[in-house]
Protein backbone atom coordinates (compact mmCIF):
# COMPACT_ATOMS: atom_id res chain seq x y z
CA MET A 1 200.55 85.45 127.22
CA SER A 2 199.03 87.89 129.71
CA THR A 3 195.58 87.43 131.19
CA PHE A 4 194.51 90.62 129.39
CA SER A 5 195.50 89.35 125.94
CA CYS A 6 194.03 85.90 126.62
CA GLN A 7 190.70 87.42 127.63
CA SER A 8 190.67 89.90 124.74
CA GLU A 9 191.40 87.07 122.34
CA ARG A 10 188.57 85.03 123.83
CA VAL A 11 186.01 87.79 123.33
CA SER A 12 187.27 88.37 119.78
CA ALA A 13 186.89 84.67 118.97
CA LEU A 14 183.44 84.59 120.55
CA ARG A 15 182.30 87.73 118.71
CA SER A 16 183.30 86.18 115.37
CA ALA A 17 181.59 82.87 116.17
CA VAL A 18 178.15 84.05 117.28
CA PRO A 19 175.40 86.02 115.54
CA GLU A 20 175.61 89.82 115.87
CA ALA A 21 172.43 89.77 117.99
CA PHE A 22 174.26 87.70 120.64
CA GLU A 23 175.25 90.18 123.34
CA ILE A 24 178.61 89.70 125.03
CA LEU A 25 179.24 91.14 128.48
CA SER A 26 182.47 91.49 130.40
CA GLY A 27 182.47 89.70 133.74
CA ASP A 28 185.45 91.68 135.03
CA ASP A 29 185.36 95.43 135.57
CA SER A 30 189.02 95.83 134.63
CA LEU A 31 188.39 94.20 131.24
CA THR A 32 185.28 96.20 130.34
CA LEU A 33 187.03 98.66 128.03
CA PRO A 34 189.00 96.08 126.00
CA PHE A 35 185.96 93.79 125.84
CA ILE A 36 183.78 96.58 124.46
CA ALA A 37 186.52 97.41 121.95
CA ALA A 38 186.30 93.77 120.79
CA GLY A 39 182.51 93.74 120.54
CA ALA A 40 181.04 93.37 124.02
CA VAL A 41 178.11 95.59 124.98
CA GLY A 42 178.50 95.98 128.74
CA VAL A 43 179.66 94.50 132.02
CA ILE A 44 178.34 92.45 134.90
CA SER A 45 180.00 94.73 137.40
CA VAL A 46 181.08 94.59 141.03
CA ALA A 47 182.35 98.17 140.98
CA SER A 48 178.94 99.45 139.90
CA ASN A 49 177.69 98.62 143.38
CA VAL A 50 180.14 101.20 144.73
CA VAL A 51 180.39 103.76 141.90
CA PRO A 52 177.41 103.11 139.60
CA ALA A 53 177.43 106.44 137.74
CA GLU A 54 181.13 106.14 136.94
CA VAL A 55 180.81 102.59 135.57
CA VAL A 56 177.81 103.64 133.47
CA ALA A 57 179.81 106.61 132.14
CA LEU A 58 182.71 104.31 131.22
CA VAL A 59 180.45 101.86 129.38
CA ASN A 60 178.53 104.63 127.62
CA ALA A 61 181.73 106.38 126.51
CA ALA A 62 183.18 103.13 125.19
CA LEU A 63 179.97 102.21 123.36
CA ALA A 64 179.74 105.72 121.87
CA GLY A 65 183.28 105.42 120.53
CA ASP A 66 184.66 108.16 122.78
CA ALA A 67 187.98 106.40 123.30
CA GLN A 68 189.65 109.29 125.14
CA LYS A 69 186.89 109.61 127.74
CA ALA A 70 186.57 105.82 128.09
CA ARG A 71 190.33 105.45 128.68
CA GLU A 72 190.33 108.31 131.18
CA LEU A 73 187.49 106.72 133.15
CA HIS A 74 189.02 103.25 132.91
CA PHE A 75 192.37 104.36 134.31
CA ARG A 76 190.74 106.46 137.04
CA LEU A 77 188.60 103.48 138.12
CA TYR A 78 191.22 100.77 137.56
CA PRO A 79 192.68 100.91 141.11
CA LEU A 80 189.18 100.43 142.54
CA PHE A 81 188.51 97.57 140.11
CA LYS A 82 191.57 95.78 141.49
CA ASP A 83 191.00 96.74 145.14
CA LEU A 84 187.50 95.29 145.11
CA PHE A 85 189.14 91.88 144.72
CA ILE A 86 191.86 92.08 147.38
CA GLU A 87 189.63 89.67 149.30
CA PRO A 88 186.84 87.40 148.03
CA ASN A 89 183.83 89.13 146.50
CA PRO A 90 181.56 90.62 147.93
CA VAL A 91 183.59 91.38 151.07
CA PRO A 92 185.48 94.48 149.78
CA ALA A 93 182.40 95.90 148.04
CA LYS A 94 180.34 95.55 151.22
CA HIS A 95 183.14 97.15 153.21
CA ALA A 96 183.36 100.09 150.79
CA LEU A 97 179.60 100.62 151.01
CA ALA A 98 179.78 100.37 154.82
CA LEU A 99 182.44 103.12 154.84
CA ARG A 100 179.84 105.39 153.26
CA GLY A 101 177.17 104.29 155.76
CA GLU A 102 175.08 102.58 153.10
CA MET A 103 175.11 99.11 154.67
CA ARG A 104 176.82 96.96 157.25
CA PRO A 105 179.92 95.01 156.20
CA ASP A 106 178.39 91.74 157.44
CA VAL A 107 178.93 88.65 155.30
CA ARG A 108 177.74 85.07 155.64
CA LEU A 109 179.98 82.12 156.36
CA PRO A 110 182.28 80.88 154.99
CA LEU A 111 183.25 84.51 154.23
CA CYS A 112 184.47 86.84 156.94
CA GLU A 113 184.88 90.59 157.24
CA MET A 114 188.02 92.13 155.77
CA GLY A 115 191.31 91.69 157.55
CA ASP A 116 193.11 94.68 159.09
CA SER A 117 195.77 95.01 156.38
CA THR A 118 193.38 94.82 153.43
CA ARG A 119 190.77 96.95 155.19
CA GLY A 120 193.35 99.71 155.61
CA HIS A 121 194.29 99.43 151.95
CA LEU A 122 190.70 99.75 150.75
CA ASP A 123 189.89 102.54 153.20
């Protein structure tokens, strides 16, 4: 069973087991769309640090039932969702923000700045 189907099944089981007022959030940007389809209401997002308006647009489209727009945004953002985890979080997100001059890519030990090969990929 793929990670996607395992996670989607988990949110479906959770949604059916808790009161409707219990709000479920995705903890993985790449699973936001399927989670919302199964009853989640949002995401605790890493990508929103880099592209906040785009993540908000994805969530709002999915919550509004605009499946076409939500899918379009999901697939446009999906490579970034994956690339932000090519090294331990928050290293790639800090690097991406540093590329735009919004912060320094400094991280605290035991983390270290991105390696040359992954830095080039994210750039």
